[in-house]
């Protein structure tokens, strides 16, 4: 919500958003061809196979304990 208040095109993706009415809070990853968000906020979606050529930044807000997970997330941004 804070990003949206700054007039940034952001969406949130989390399984707990199933009953939310706001269209920018989604339970499942939206179709990347139709979603125009500049910022995608999610929990663990990059390690679950979300790839999009438009992604160019990755912000981590917690330390990743597993080297493979870190490399996987960085690799999805570099492709």
PDB file of N, CA and C in Angstrom:
ATOM      1  N   UNK A   1       0.814  -1.189   0.000  1.00  0.00           N
ATOM      2  CA  UNK A   1       0.000   0.000   0.000  1.00  0.00           C
ATOM      3  C   UNK A   1       0.865   1.262   0.000  1.00  0.00           C
ATOM      4  N   UNK A   2       1.984   1.224   0.711  1.00  0.00           N
ATOM      5  CA  UNK A   2       2.854   2.400   0.764  1.00  0.00           C
ATOM      6  C   UNK A   2       3.390   2.765  -0.615  1.00  0.00           C
ATOM      7  N   UNK A   3       3.723   1.773  -1.414  1.00  0.00           N
ATOM      8  CA  UNK A   3       4.209   2.040  -2.768  1.00  0.00           C
ATOM      9  C   UNK A   3       3.114   2.678  -3.614  1.00  0.00           C
ATOM     10  N   UNK A   4       1.903   2.188  -3.477  1.00  0.00           N
ATOM     11  CA  UNK A   4       0.775   2.743  -4.243  1.00  0.00           C
ATOM     12  C   UNK A   4       0.496   4.185  -3.830  1.00  0.00           C
ATOM     13  N   UNK A   5       0.690   4.502  -2.559  1.00  0.00           N
ATOM     14  CA  UNK A   5       0.474   5.872  -2.088  1.00  0.00           C
ATOM     15  C   UNK A   5       1.496   6.830  -2.684  1.00  0.00           C
ATOM     16  N   UNK A   6       2.629   6.289  -3.118  1.00  0.00           N
ATOM     17  CA  UNK A   6       3.663   7.090  -3.777  1.00  0.00           C
ATOM     18  C   UNK A   6       3.453   7.135  -5.297  1.00  0.00           C
ATOM     19  N   UNK A   7       2.283   6.700  -5.739  1.00  0.00           N
ATOM     20  CA  UNK A   7       1.922   6.656  -7.166  1.00  0.00           C
ATOM     21  C   UNK A   7       2.816   5.738  -7.987  1.00  0.00           C
ATOM     22  N   UNK A   8       3.279   4.658  -7.365  1.00  0.00           N
ATOM     23  CA  UNK A   8       4.053   3.653  -8.075  1.00  0.00           C
ATOM     24  C   UNK A   8       3.134   2.493  -8.442  1.00  0.00           C
ATOM     25  N   UNK A   9       3.290   1.997  -9.647  1.00  0.00           N
ATOM     26  CA  UNK A   9       2.460   0.880 -10.114  1.00  0.00           C
ATOM     27  C   UNK A   9       2.995  -0.412  -9.496  1.00  0.00           C
ATOM     28  N   UNK A  10       2.460  -0.774  -8.341  1.00  0.00           N
ATOM     29  CA  UNK A  10       2.937  -1.939  -7.604  1.00  0.00           C
ATOM     30  C   UNK A  10       1.802  -2.920  -7.363  1.00  0.00           C
ATOM     31  N   UNK A  11       2.163  -4.210  -7.359  1.00  0.00           N
ATOM     32  CA  UNK A  11       1.207  -5.243  -6.981  1.00  0.00           C
ATOM     33  C   UNK A  11       1.827  -6.097  -5.888  1.00  0.00           C
ATOM     34  N   UNK A  12       0.997  -6.697  -5.084  1.00  0.00           N
ATOM     35  CA  UNK A  12       1.441  -7.624  -4.055  1.00  0.00           C
ATOM     36  C   UNK A  12       0.919  -9.010  -4.373  1.00  0.00           C
ATOM     37  N   UNK A  13       1.777 -10.013  -4.216  1.00  0.00           N
ATOM     38  CA  UNK A  13       1.401 -11.392  -4.516  1.00  0.00           C
ATOM     39  C   UNK A  13       1.697 -12.235  -3.276  1.00  0.00           C
ATOM     40  N   UNK A  14       0.646 -12.851  -2.734  1.00  0.00           N
ATOM     41  CA  UNK A  14       0.813 -13.702  -1.553  1.00  0.00           C
ATOM     42  C   UNK A  14      -0.419 -14.576  -1.419  1.00  0.00           C
ATOM     43  N   UNK A  15      -0.235 -15.799  -0.949  1.00  0.00           N
ATOM     44  CA  UNK A  15      -1.374 -16.710  -0.821  1.00  0.00           C
ATOM     45  C   UNK A  15      -2.409 -16.218   0.192  1.00  0.00           C
ATOM     46  N   UNK A  16      -2.052 -15.307   1.051  1.00  0.00           N
ATOM     47  CA  UNK A  16      -3.003 -14.772   2.025  1.00  0.00           C
ATOM     48  C   UNK A  16      -3.889 -13.661   1.459  1.00  0.00           C
ATOM     49  N   UNK A  17      -3.691 -13.295   0.215  1.00  0.00           N
ATOM     50  CA  UNK A  17      -4.496 -12.241  -0.405  1.00  0.00           C
ATOM     51  C   UNK A  17      -5.727 -12.783  -1.114  1.00  0.00           C
ATOM     52  N   UNK A  18      -6.102 -14.021  -0.874  1.00  0.00           N
ATOM     53  CA  UNK A  18      -7.215 -14.666  -1.579  1.00  0.00           C
ATOM     54  C   UNK A  18      -8.524 -13.903  -1.425  1.00  0.00           C
ATOM     55  N   UNK A  19      -8.771 -13.331  -0.282  1.00  0.00           N
ATOM     56  CA  UNK A  19     -10.055 -12.679  -0.022  1.00  0.00           C
ATOM     57  C   UNK A  19      -9.974 -11.151  -0.082  1.00  0.00           C
ATOM     58  N   UNK A  20      -8.883 -10.622  -0.553  1.00  0.00           N
ATOM     59  CA  UNK A  20      -8.729  -9.162  -0.636  1.00  0.00           C
ATOM     60  C   UNK A  20      -9.482  -8.611  -1.831  1.00  0.00           C
ATOM     61  N   UNK A  21     -10.085  -7.460  -1.668  1.00  0.00           N
ATOM     62  CA  UNK A  21     -10.865  -6.837  -2.739  1.00  0.00           C
ATOM     63  C   UNK A  21     -10.009  -5.975  -3.657  1.00  0.00           C
ATOM     64  N   UNK A  22      -8.879  -5.486  -3.165  1.00  0.00           N
ATOM     65  CA  UNK A  22      -8.024  -4.629  -3.976  1.00  0.00           C
ATOM     66  C   UNK A  22      -7.427  -5.442  -5.130  1.00  0.00           C
ATOM     67  N   UNK A  23      -7.555  -4.946  -6.354  1.00  0.00           N
ATOM     68  CA  UNK A  23      -7.055  -5.713  -7.503  1.00  0.00           C
ATOM     69  C   UNK A  23      -5.535  -5.760  -7.566  1.00  0.00           C
ATOM     70  N   UNK A  24      -4.848  -4.914  -6.822  1.00  0.00           N
ATOM     71  CA  UNK A  24      -3.378  -4.949  -6.835  1.00  0.00           C
ATOM     72  C   UNK A  24      -2.816  -5.909  -5.791  1.00  0.00           C
ATOM     73  N   UNK A  25      -3.670  -6.527  -4.989  1.00  0.00           N
ATOM     74  CA  UNK A  25      -3.263  -7.577  -4.050  1.00  0.00           C
ATOM     75  C   UNK A  25      -3.821  -8.890  -4.573  1.00  0.00           C
ATOM     76  N   UNK A  26      -2.934  -9.755  -5.043  1.00  0.00           N
ATOM     77  CA  UNK A  26      -3.374 -10.962  -5.720  1.00  0.00           C
ATOM     78  C   UNK A  26      -2.828 -12.208  -5.051  1.00  0.00           C
ATOM     79  N   UNK A  27      -3.631 -13.251  -5.097  1.00  0.00           N
ATOM     80  CA  UNK A  27      -3.235 -14.525  -4.489  1.00  0.00           C
ATOM     81  C   UNK A  27      -2.223 -15.264  -5.360  1.00  0.00           C
ATOM     82  N   UNK A  28      -2.407 -15.214  -6.653  1.00  0.00           N
ATOM     83  CA  UNK A  28      -1.546 -15.941  -7.587  1.00  0.00           C
ATOM     84  C   UNK A  28      -0.817 -14.956  -8.502  1.00  0.00           C
ATOM     85  N   UNK A  29       0.261 -15.411  -9.071  1.00  0.00           N
ATOM     86  CA  UNK A  29       1.041 -14.581  -9.990  1.00  0.00           C
ATOM     87  C   UNK A  29       0.169 -14.239 -11.195  1.00  0.00           C
ATOM     88  N   UNK A  30       0.013 -12.958 -11.503  1.00  0.00           N
ATOM     89  CA  UNK A  30      -0.824 -12.571 -12.635  1.00  0.00           C
ATOM     90  C   UNK A  30      -0.146 -12.876 -13.967  1.00  0.00           C
ATOM     91  N   UNK A  31      -0.936 -12.855 -15.006  1.00  0.00           N
ATOM     92  CA  UNK A  31      -0.429 -13.054 -16.353  1.00  0.00           C
ATOM     93  C   UNK A  31       0.516 -11.908 -16.689  1.00  0.00           C
ATOM     94  N   UNK A  32       1.764 -12.211 -16.962  1.00  0.00           N
ATOM     95  CA  UNK A  32       2.758 -11.158 -17.185  1.00  0.00           C
ATOM     96  C   UNK A  32       2.501 -10.357 -18.458  1.00  0.00           C
ATOM     97  N   UNK A  33       1.731 -10.900 -19.398  1.00  0.00           N
ATOM     98  CA  UNK A  33       1.418 -10.156 -20.620  1.00  0.00           C
ATOM     99  C   UNK A  33       0.398  -9.039 -20.348  1.00  0.00           C
ATOM    100  N   UNK A  34      -0.427  -9.211 -19.328  1.00  0.00           N
ATOM    101  CA  UNK A  34      -1.459  -8.210 -19.064  1.00  0.00           C
ATOM    102  C   UNK A  34      -1.136  -7.315 -17.873  1.00  0.00           C
ATOM    103  N   UNK A  35      -0.255  -7.738 -16.998  1.00  0.00           N
ATOM    104  CA  UNK A  35       0.065  -6.953 -15.801  1.00  0.00           C
ATOM    105  C   UNK A  35       1.059  -5.851 -16.147  1.00  0.00           C
ATOM    106  N   UNK A  36       0.716  -4.621 -15.803  1.00  0.00           N
ATOM    107  CA  UNK A  36       1.551  -3.466 -16.136  1.00  0.00           C
ATOM    108  C   UNK A  36       2.286  -2.907 -14.913  1.00  0.00           C
ATOM    109  N   UNK A  37       2.340  -3.648 -13.836  1.00  0.00           N
ATOM    110  CA  UNK A  37       2.991  -3.163 -12.618  1.00  0.00           C
ATOM    111  C   UNK A  37       4.490  -2.991 -12.833  1.00  0.00           C
ATOM    112  N   UNK A  38       5.029  -1.935 -12.261  1.00  0.00           N
ATOM    113  CA  UNK A  38       6.475  -1.690 -12.306  1.00  0.00           C
ATOM    114  C   UNK A  38       7.174  -2.401 -11.155  1.00  0.00           C
ATOM    115  N   UNK A  39       6.472  -2.602 -10.061  1.00  0.00           N
ATOM    116  CA  UNK A  39       7.055  -3.219  -8.870  1.00  0.00           C
ATOM    117  C   UNK A  39       6.189  -4.399  -8.455  1.00  0.00           C
ATOM    118  N   UNK A  40       6.809  -5.548  -8.313  1.00  0.00           N
ATOM    119  CA  UNK A  40       6.120  -6.750  -7.863  1.00  0.00           C
ATOM    120  C   UNK A  40       6.661  -7.099  -6.486  1.00  0.00           C
ATOM    121  N   UNK A  41       5.807  -7.083  -5.488  1.00  0.00           N
ATOM    122  CA  UNK A  41       6.194  -7.425  -4.122  1.00  0.00           C
ATOM    123  C   UNK A  41       5.627  -8.812  -3.844  1.00  0.00           C
ATOM    124  N   UNK A  42       6.473  -9.721  -3.412  1.00  0.00           N
ATOM    125  CA  UNK A  42       6.036 -11.097  -3.226  1.00  0.00           C
ATOM    126  C   UNK A  42       6.877 -11.780  -2.167  1.00  0.00           C
ATOM    127  N   UNK A  43       6.446 -12.945  -1.800  1.00  0.00           N
ATOM    128  CA  UNK A  43       7.208 -13.758  -0.866  1.00  0.00           C
ATOM    129  C   UNK A  43       7.516 -15.082  -1.550  1.00  0.00           C
ATOM    130  N   UNK A  44       8.763 -15.340  -1.806  1.00  0.00           N
ATOM    131  CA  UNK A  44       9.253 -16.609  -2.372  1.00  0.00           C
ATOM    132  C   UNK A  44       8.825 -16.881  -3.805  1.00  0.00           C
ATOM    133  N   UNK A  45       8.329 -15.921  -4.545  1.00  0.00           N
ATOM    134  CA  UNK A  45       7.875 -16.199  -5.903  1.00  0.00           C
ATOM    135  C   UNK A  45       9.033 -16.421  -6.873  1.00  0.00           C
ATOM    136  N   UNK A  46      10.153 -15.769  -6.676  1.00  0.00           N
ATOM    137  CA  UNK A  46      11.274 -15.982  -7.601  1.00  0.00           C
ATOM    138  C   UNK A  46      11.833 -17.389  -7.484  1.00  0.00           C
ATOM    139  N   UNK A  47      11.750 -17.978  -6.316  1.00  0.00           N
ATOM    140  CA  UNK A  47      12.237 -19.347  -6.176  1.00  0.00           C
ATOM    141  C   UNK A  47      11.179 -20.350  -6.601  1.00  0.00           C
ATOM    142  N   UNK A  48       9.974 -19.892  -6.905  1.00  0.00           N
ATOM    143  CA  UNK A  48       8.903 -20.788  -7.346  1.00  0.00           C
ATOM    144  C   UNK A  48       8.745 -20.779  -8.858  1.00  0.00           C
ATOM    145  N   UNK A  49       9.632 -20.149  -9.571  1.00  0.00           N
ATOM    146  CA  UNK A  49       9.592 -20.223 -11.025  1.00  0.00           C
ATOM    147  C   UNK A  49       9.010 -19.029 -11.742  1.00  0.00           C
ATOM    148  N   UNK A  50       8.980 -17.882 -11.114  1.00  0.00           N
ATOM    149  CA  UNK A  50       8.465 -16.677 -11.769  1.00  0.00           C
ATOM    150  C   UNK A  50       9.602 -16.021 -12.549  1.00  0.00           C
ATOM    151  N   UNK A  51       9.481 -16.012 -13.864  1.00  0.00           N
ATOM    152  CA  UNK A  51      10.468 -15.366 -14.747  1.00  0.00           C
ATOM    153  C   UNK A  51       9.760 -14.316 -15.583  1.00  0.00           C
ATOM    154  N   UNK A  52      10.389 -13.196 -15.752  1.00  0.00           N
ATOM    155  CA  UNK A  52       9.843 -12.149 -16.609  1.00  0.00           C
ATOM    156  C   UNK A  52      11.012 -11.305 -17.082  1.00  0.00           C
ATOM    157  N   UNK A  53      11.135 -11.124 -18.371  1.00  0.00           N
ATOM    158  CA  UNK A  53      12.261 -10.375 -18.940  1.00  0.00           C
ATOM    159  C   UNK A  53      12.280  -8.924 -18.486  1.00  0.00           C
ATOM    160  N   UNK A  54      11.141  -8.413 -17.988  1.00  0.00           N
ATOM    161  CA  UNK A  54      11.088  -7.022 -17.531  1.00  0.00           C
ATOM    162  C   UNK A  54      11.723  -6.844 -16.154  1.00  0.00           C
ATOM    163  N   UNK A  55      11.908  -7.911 -15.399  1.00  0.00           N
ATOM    164  CA  UNK A  55      12.508  -7.777 -14.071  1.00  0.00           C
ATOM    165  C   UNK A  55      13.961  -7.362 -14.214  1.00  0.00           C
ATOM    166  N   UNK A  56      14.356  -6.322 -13.469  1.00  0.00           N
ATOM    167  CA  UNK A  56      15.740  -5.854 -13.576  1.00  0.00           C
ATOM    168  C   UNK A  56      16.362  -5.549 -12.218  1.00  0.00           C
ATOM    169  N   UNK A  57      15.593  -5.586 -11.147  1.00  0.00           N
ATOM    170  CA  UNK A  57      16.117  -5.351  -9.807  1.00  0.00           C
ATOM    171  C   UNK A  57      15.576  -6.414  -8.870  1.00  0.00           C
ATOM    172  N   UNK A  58      16.359  -6.728  -7.876  1.00  0.00           N
ATOM    173  CA  UNK A  58      15.936  -7.650  -6.830  1.00  0.00           C
ATOM    174  C   UNK A  58      16.285  -7.026  -5.495  1.00  0.00           C
ATOM    175  N   UNK A  59      15.313  -6.881  -4.627  1.00  0.00           N
ATOM    176  CA  UNK A  59      15.551  -6.349  -3.283  1.00  0.00           C
ATOM    177  C   UNK A  59      15.288  -7.466  -2.284  1.00  0.00           C
ATOM    178  N   UNK A  60      16.267  -7.757  -1.467  1.00  0.00           N
ATOM    179  CA  UNK A  60      16.131  -8.781  -0.430  1.00  0.00           C
ATOM    180  C   UNK A  60      16.029  -8.092   0.922  1.00  0.00           C
ATOM    181  N   UNK A  61      15.058  -8.499   1.705  1.00  0.00           N
ATOM    182  CA  UNK A  61      14.852  -7.877   3.001  1.00  0.00           C
ATOM    183  C   UNK A  61      15.147  -8.818   4.150  1.00  0.00           C
ATOM    184  N   UNK A  62      15.728  -9.943   3.830  1.00  0.00           N
ATOM    185  CA  UNK A  62      16.145 -10.907   4.834  1.00  0.00           C
ATOM    186  C   UNK A  62      17.340 -11.676   4.287  1.00  0.00           C
ATOM    187  N   UNK A  63      18.149 -12.182   5.159  1.00  0.00           N
ATOM    188  CA  UNK A  63      19.319 -12.931   4.725  1.00  0.00           C
ATOM    189  C   UNK A  63      18.894 -14.296   4.209  1.00  0.00           C
ATOM    190  N   UNK A  64      19.420 -14.683   3.058  1.00  0.00           N
ATOM    191  CA  UNK A  64      19.134 -16.000   2.493  1.00  0.00           C
ATOM    192  C   UNK A  64      20.194 -16.960   3.004  1.00  0.00           C
ATOM    193  N   UNK A  65      19.745 -18.011   3.655  1.00  0.00           N
ATOM    194  CA  UNK A  65      20.652 -18.969   4.288  1.00  0.00           C
ATOM    195  C   UNK A  65      21.163 -20.040   3.322  1.00  0.00           C
ATOM    196  N   UNK A  66      20.537 -20.160   2.173  1.00  0.00           N
ATOM    197  CA  UNK A  66      20.853 -21.219   1.241  1.00  0.00           C
ATOM    198  C   UNK A  66      21.484 -20.613  -0.014  1.00  0.00           C
ATOM    199  N   UNK A  67      22.723 -20.986  -0.332  1.00  0.00           N
ATOM    200  CA  UNK A  67      23.417 -20.431  -1.500  1.00  0.00           C
ATOM    201  C   UNK A  67      22.662 -20.701  -2.796  1.00  0.00           C
ATOM    202  N   UNK A  68      22.107 -21.893  -2.926  1.00  0.00           N
ATOM    203  CA  UNK A  68      21.381 -22.258  -4.147  1.00  0.00           C
ATOM    204  C   UNK A  68      20.178 -21.341  -4.357  1.00  0.00           C
ATOM    205  N   UNK A  69      19.454 -21.029  -3.292  1.00  0.00           N
ATOM    206  CA  UNK A  69      18.292 -20.138  -3.384  1.00  0.00           C
ATOM    207  C   UNK A  69      18.712 -18.735  -3.825  1.00  0.00           C
ATOM    208  N   UNK A  70      19.809 -18.246  -3.272  1.00  0.00           N
ATOM    209  CA  UNK A  70      20.303 -16.920  -3.637  1.00  0.00           C
ATOM    210  C   UNK A  70      20.699 -16.880  -5.111  1.00  0.00           C
ATOM    211  N   UNK A  71      21.453 -17.863  -5.558  1.00  0.00           N
ATOM    212  CA  UNK A  71      21.876 -17.933  -6.956  1.00  0.00           C
ATOM    213  C   UNK A  71      20.669 -18.035  -7.876  1.00  0.00           C
ATOM    214  N   UNK A  72      19.668 -18.794  -7.464  1.00  0.00           N
ATOM    215  CA  UNK A  72      18.452 -18.946  -8.265  1.00  0.00           C
ATOM    216  C   UNK A  72      17.726 -17.607  -8.417  1.00  0.00           C
ATOM    217  N   UNK A  73      17.621 -16.858  -7.349  1.00  0.00           N
ATOM    218  CA  UNK A  73      16.936 -15.569  -7.421  1.00  0.00           C
ATOM    219  C   UNK A  73      17.718 -14.576  -8.275  1.00  0.00           C
ATOM    220  N   UNK A  74      19.016 -14.510  -8.090  1.00  0.00           N
ATOM    221  CA  UNK A  74      19.841 -13.606  -8.901  1.00  0.00           C
ATOM    222  C   UNK A  74      19.768 -13.991 -10.372  1.00  0.00           C
ATOM    223  N   UNK A  75      19.818 -15.289 -10.660  1.00  0.00           N
ATOM    224  CA  UNK A  75      19.761 -15.770 -12.035  1.00  0.00           C
ATOM    225  C   UNK A  75      18.479 -15.392 -12.741  1.00  0.00           C
ATOM    226  N   UNK A  76      17.372 -15.379 -12.021  1.00  0.00           N
ATOM    227  CA  UNK A  76      16.091 -15.017 -12.644  1.00  0.00           C
ATOM    228  C   UNK A  76      16.081 -13.544 -13.058  1.00  0.00           C
ATOM    229  N   UNK A  77      16.802 -12.713 -12.349  1.00  0.00           N
ATOM    230  CA  UNK A  77      16.871 -11.297 -12.703  1.00  0.00           C
ATOM    231  C   UNK A  77      17.843 -11.070 -13.864  1.00  0.00           C
ATOM    232  N   UNK A  78      18.924 -11.831 -13.909  1.00  0.00           N
ATOM    233  CA  UNK A  78      19.951 -11.632 -14.935  1.00  0.00           C
ATOM    234  C   UNK A  78      19.553 -12.136 -16.312  1.00  0.00           C
ATOM    235  N   UNK A  79      18.588 -13.038 -16.394  1.00  0.00           N
ATOM    236  CA  UNK A  79      18.211 -13.624 -17.701  1.00  0.00           C
ATOM    237  C   UNK A  79      17.642 -12.638 -18.654  1.00  0.00           C
TER     238      UNK A  79
END
